PDB file of N, CA and C in Angstrom:
ATOM      1  N   MET A   1     338.931 -55.642 -55.329  1.00  0.00           N
ATOM      2  CA  MET A   1     337.755 -56.273 -55.754  1.00  0.00           C
ATOM      3  C   MET A   1     336.265 -55.659 -55.865  1.00  0.00           C
ATOM      4  N   THR A   2     335.986 -55.188 -54.595  1.00  0.00           N
ATOM      5  CA  THR A   2     334.796 -54.462 -54.192  1.00  0.00           C
ATOM      6  C   THR A   2     335.153 -52.849 -54.284  1.00  0.00           C
ATOM      7  N   GLY A   3     336.202 -52.307 -54.487  1.00  0.00           N
ATOM      8  CA  GLY A   3     336.511 -51.294 -54.578  1.00  0.00           C
ATOM      9  C   GLY A   3     336.412 -50.481 -53.278  1.00  0.00           C
ATOM     10  N   LYS A   4     336.292 -51.432 -52.233  1.00  0.00           N
ATOM     11  CA  LYS A   4     336.080 -50.630 -50.685  1.00  0.00           C
ATOM     12  C   LYS A   4     337.196 -50.736 -50.010  1.00  0.00           C
ATOM     13  N   SER A   5     337.543 -50.054 -49.008  1.00  0.00           N
ATOM     14  CA  SER A   5     338.709 -50.021 -48.041  1.00  0.00           C
ATOM     15  C   SER A   5     338.756 -51.172 -47.432  1.00  0.00           C
ATOM     16  N   GLU A   6     340.262 -51.546 -46.807  1.00  0.00           N
ATOM     17  CA  GLU A   6     340.606 -52.851 -46.199  1.00  0.00           C
ATOM     18  C   GLU A   6     339.459 -52.850 -44.827  1.00  0.00           C
ATOM     19  N   LYS A   7     339.416 -51.980 -44.239  1.00  0.00           N
ATOM     20  CA  LYS A   7     338.291 -51.757 -43.067  1.00  0.00           C
ATOM     21  C   LYS A   7     336.831 -52.224 -43.364  1.00  0.00           C
ATOM     22  N   SER A   8     336.402 -51.514 -44.648  1.00  0.00           N
ATOM     23  CA  SER A   8     334.881 -52.052 -45.133  1.00  0.00           C
ATOM     24  C   SER A   8     335.036 -53.420 -45.407  1.00  0.00           C
ATOM     25  N   GLY A   9     336.226 -54.001 -45.964  1.00  0.00           N
ATOM     26  CA  GLY A   9     336.014 -55.499 -46.090  1.00  0.00           C
ATOM     27  C   GLY A   9     336.059 -56.124 -44.985  1.00  0.00           C
ATOM     28  N   GLN A  10     336.408 -55.880 -43.774  1.00  0.00           N
ATOM     29  CA  GLN A  10     336.752 -56.365 -42.443  1.00  0.00           C
ATOM     30  C   GLN A  10     335.408 -56.336 -41.998  1.00  0.00           C
ATOM     31  N   ARG A  11     334.623 -55.371 -41.854  1.00  0.00           N
ATOM     32  CA  ARG A  11     333.172 -55.126 -41.701  1.00  0.00           C
ATOM     33  C   ARG A  11     332.483 -55.926 -42.058  1.00  0.00           C
ATOM     34  N   LEU A  12     332.423 -56.199 -43.686  1.00  0.00           N
ATOM     35  CA  LEU A  12     331.667 -56.889 -44.354  1.00  0.00           C
ATOM     36  C   LEU A  12     332.007 -58.372 -43.953  1.00  0.00           C
ATOM     37  N   LEU A  13     332.999 -58.832 -43.795  1.00  0.00           N
ATOM     38  CA  LEU A  13     333.334 -60.340 -43.644  1.00  0.00           C
ATOM     39  C   LEU A  13     332.638 -60.465 -41.937  1.00  0.00           C
ATOM     40  N   LYS A  14     332.781 -59.265 -41.068  1.00  0.00           N
ATOM     41  CA  LYS A  14     332.244 -59.636 -39.666  1.00  0.00           C
ATOM     42  C   LYS A  14     330.616 -60.002 -39.793  1.00  0.00           C
ATOM     43  N   LYS A  15     329.945 -59.041 -40.596  1.00  0.00           N
ATOM     44  CA  LYS A  15     328.585 -59.106 -40.772  1.00  0.00           C
ATOM     45  C   LYS A  15     328.207 -60.473 -41.374  1.00  0.00           C
ATOM     46  N   ILE A  16     328.817 -61.070 -42.413  1.00  0.00           N
ATOM     47  CA  ILE A  16     328.621 -62.202 -42.814  1.00  0.00           C
ATOM     48  C   ILE A  16     328.820 -63.389 -42.104  1.00  0.00           C
ATOM     49  N   ARG A  17     329.846 -63.155 -41.131  1.00  0.00           N
ATOM     50  CA  ARG A  17     330.137 -64.015 -39.903  1.00  0.00           C
ATOM     51  C   ARG A  17     328.983 -64.021 -39.280  1.00  0.00           C
ATOM     52  N   LYS A  18     328.582 -63.126 -38.818  1.00  0.00           N
ATOM     53  CA  LYS A  18     327.434 -62.635 -37.811  1.00  0.00           C
ATOM     54  C   LYS A  18     326.177 -63.323 -38.275  1.00  0.00           C
ATOM     55  N   GLU A  19     325.690 -63.108 -39.453  1.00  0.00           N
ATOM     56  CA  GLU A  19     324.554 -63.831 -40.252  1.00  0.00           C
ATOM     57  C   GLU A  19     324.842 -65.423 -40.112  1.00  0.00           C
ATOM     58  N   LEU A  20     325.936 -66.046 -40.402  1.00  0.00           N
ATOM     59  CA  LEU A  20     326.013 -67.454 -40.734  1.00  0.00           C
ATOM     60  C   LEU A  20     326.214 -68.036 -39.255  1.00  0.00           C
ATOM     61  N   GLY A  21     326.417 -67.241 -38.130  1.00  0.00           N
ATOM     62  CA  GLY A  21     326.592 -67.812 -37.030  1.00  0.00           C
ATOM     63  C   GLY A  21     327.780 -68.313 -36.673  1.00  0.00           C
ATOM     64  N   LYS A  22     328.891 -67.423 -37.573  1.00  0.00           N
ATOM     65  CA  LYS A  22     330.122 -68.044 -37.191  1.00  0.00           C
ATOM     66  C   LYS A  22     330.994 -67.056 -35.933  1.00  0.00           C
ATOM     67  N   GLU A  23     331.985 -67.426 -35.529  1.00  0.00           N
ATOM     68  CA  GLU A  23     332.839 -66.931 -34.506  1.00  0.00           C
ATOM     69  C   GLU A  23     333.828 -66.179 -35.436  1.00  0.00           C
ATOM     70  N   ASP A  24     334.492 -64.819 -34.831  1.00  0.00           N
ATOM     71  CA  ASP A  24     335.283 -64.181 -35.485  1.00  0.00           C
ATOM     72  C   ASP A  24     336.598 -64.985 -35.833  1.00  0.00           C
ATOM     73  N   HIS A  25     336.843 -65.979 -35.308  1.00  0.00           N
ATOM     74  CA  HIS A  25     338.248 -66.715 -36.027  1.00  0.00           C
ATOM     75  C   HIS A  25     337.873 -67.584 -37.010  1.00  0.00           C
ATOM     76  N   GLN A  26     336.610 -67.759 -37.435  1.00  0.00           N
ATOM     77  CA  GLN A  26     336.348 -68.833 -38.323  1.00  0.00           C
ATOM     78  C   GLN A  26     336.227 -68.239 -39.775  1.00  0.00           C
ATOM     79  N   PHE A  27     336.724 -68.854 -40.859  1.00  0.00           N
ATOM     80  CA  PHE A  27     336.650 -68.322 -42.323  1.00  0.00           C
ATOM     81  C   PHE A  27     335.584 -68.254 -42.717  1.00  0.00           C
ATOM     82  N   ILE A  28     335.177 -67.500 -43.770  1.00  0.00           N
ATOM     83  CA  ILE A  28     334.298 -67.718 -44.670  1.00  0.00           C
ATOM     84  C   ILE A  28     334.646 -68.335 -46.069  1.00  0.00           C
ATOM     85  N   THR A  29     333.748 -69.100 -46.700  1.00  0.00           N
ATOM     86  CA  THR A  29     334.174 -69.915 -47.712  1.00  0.00           C
ATOM     87  C   THR A  29     333.940 -68.756 -48.715  1.00  0.00           C
ATOM     88  N   THR A  30     334.241 -69.511 -50.172  1.00  0.00           N
ATOM     89  CA  THR A  30     333.969 -68.570 -51.232  1.00  0.00           C
ATOM     90  C   THR A  30     332.549 -68.820 -51.729  1.00  0.00           C
ATOM     91  N   ASP A  31     331.904 -69.982 -51.187  1.00  0.00           N
ATOM     92  CA  ASP A  31     330.414 -70.206 -51.496  1.00  0.00           C
ATOM     93  C   ASP A  31     329.668 -69.181 -50.800  1.00  0.00           C
ATOM     94  N   GLU A  32     329.888 -69.086 -49.375  1.00  0.00           N
ATOM     95  CA  GLU A  32     329.400 -68.332 -48.501  1.00  0.00           C
ATOM     96  C   GLU A  32     329.473 -66.809 -48.839  1.00  0.00           C
ATOM     97  N   PHE A  33     330.718 -66.636 -49.485  1.00  0.00           N
ATOM     98  CA  PHE A  33     330.881 -65.230 -49.636  1.00  0.00           C
ATOM     99  C   PHE A  33     329.778 -64.653 -51.160  1.00  0.00           C
ATOM    100  N   THR A  34     329.705 -65.800 -52.158  1.00  0.00           N
ATOM    101  CA  THR A  34     329.446 -65.535 -53.102  1.00  0.00           C
ATOM    102  C   THR A  34     327.891 -65.704 -53.030  1.00  0.00           C
ATOM    103  N   ASN A  35     327.124 -66.261 -52.229  1.00  0.00           N
ATOM    104  CA  ASN A  35     325.826 -66.236 -51.922  1.00  0.00           C
ATOM    105  C   ASN A  35     325.416 -65.059 -51.250  1.00  0.00           C
ATOM    106  N   TYR A  36     326.092 -64.565 -50.308  1.00  0.00           N
ATOM    107  CA  TYR A  36     325.820 -63.257 -49.697  1.00  0.00           C
ATOM    108  C   TYR A  36     325.974 -61.876 -50.546  1.00  0.00           C
ATOM    109  N   SER A  37     327.070 -61.872 -51.327  1.00  0.00           N
ATOM    110  CA  SER A  37     327.328 -60.826 -52.171  1.00  0.00           C
ATOM    111  C   SER A  37     326.634 -60.800 -53.679  1.00  0.00           C
ATOM    112  N   GLY A  38     326.297 -61.860 -54.052  1.00  0.00           N
ATOM    113  CA  GLY A  38     326.033 -62.033 -55.453  1.00  0.00           C
ATOM    114  C   GLY A  38     327.016 -62.056 -56.197  1.00  0.00           C
ATOM    115  N   ILE A  39     328.215 -62.004 -55.988  1.00  0.00           N
ATOM    116  CA  ILE A  39     329.290 -62.057 -57.031  1.00  0.00           C
ATOM    117  C   ILE A  39     329.293 -63.366 -57.381  1.00  0.00           C
ATOM    118  N   SER A  40     329.377 -63.710 -58.776  1.00  0.00           N
ATOM    119  CA  SER A  40     329.436 -65.169 -59.228  1.00  0.00           C
ATOM    120  C   SER A  40     330.759 -65.716 -58.768  1.00  0.00           C
ATOM    121  N   LYS A  41     331.122 -67.055 -58.746  1.00  0.00           N
ATOM    122  CA  LYS A  41     332.317 -68.008 -58.433  1.00  0.00           C
ATOM    123  C   LYS A  41     333.234 -67.377 -59.458  1.00  0.00           C
ATOM    124  N   GLU A  42     332.878 -67.160 -60.649  1.00  0.00           N
ATOM    125  CA  GLU A  42     333.753 -67.123 -61.841  1.00  0.00           C
ATOM    126  C   GLU A  42     334.645 -65.589 -61.589  1.00  0.00           C
ATOM    127  N   VAL A  43     333.690 -64.912 -61.249  1.00  0.00           N
ATOM    128  CA  VAL A  43     334.629 -63.688 -61.089  1.00  0.00           C
ATOM    129  C   VAL A  43     335.488 -63.677 -59.979  1.00  0.00           C
ATOM    130  N   ILE A  44     335.125 -64.393 -58.549  1.00  0.00           N
ATOM    131  CA  ILE A  44     335.712 -64.281 -57.457  1.00  0.00           C
ATOM    132  C   ILE A  44     336.993 -65.016 -58.042  1.00  0.00           C
ATOM    133  N   ALA A  45     336.888 -66.275 -58.656  1.00  0.00           N
ATOM    134  CA  ALA A  45     338.096 -67.036 -59.321  1.00  0.00           C
ATOM    135  C   ALA A  45     339.156 -66.356 -59.937  1.00  0.00           C
ATOM    136  N   GLU A  46     338.548 -65.416 -60.748  1.00  0.00           N
ATOM    137  CA  GLU A  46     339.496 -64.749 -61.648  1.00  0.00           C
ATOM    138  C   GLU A  46     340.061 -63.519 -60.593  1.00  0.00           C
ATOM    139  N   TYR A  47     339.357 -63.268 -59.924  1.00  0.00           N
ATOM    140  CA  TYR A  47     340.420 -62.052 -59.038  1.00  0.00           C
ATOM    141  C   TYR A  47     341.484 -62.829 -58.114  1.00  0.00           C
ATOM    142  N   LEU A  48     340.817 -63.916 -57.618  1.00  0.00           N
ATOM    143  CA  LEU A  48     341.865 -64.744 -56.787  1.00  0.00           C
ATOM    144  C   LEU A  48     343.194 -65.267 -57.396  1.00  0.00           C
ATOM    145  N   MET A  49     342.847 -65.622 -58.721  1.00  0.00           N
ATOM    146  CA  MET A  49     344.211 -66.006 -59.288  1.00  0.00           C
ATOM    147  C   MET A  49     344.863 -65.132 -60.006  1.00  0.00           C
ATOM    148  N   ASP A  50     344.608 -63.597 -59.950  1.00  0.00           N
ATOM    149  CA  ASP A  50     345.337 -62.612 -60.478  1.00  0.00           C
ATOM    150  C   ASP A  50     346.670 -62.538 -59.456  1.00  0.00           C
TER     151      ASP A  50
END
């Protein structure tokens, strides 16, 4: 979706978790991801449904 490698995606999720005060084992919601990334919910939903 972002054109980045899996490792880059993992680093991005870790950075988002840190900014949100979440622990490593906690999930990131689509709302949290869209707020951080600026990617719309519609684009995320289309990607997840494919």
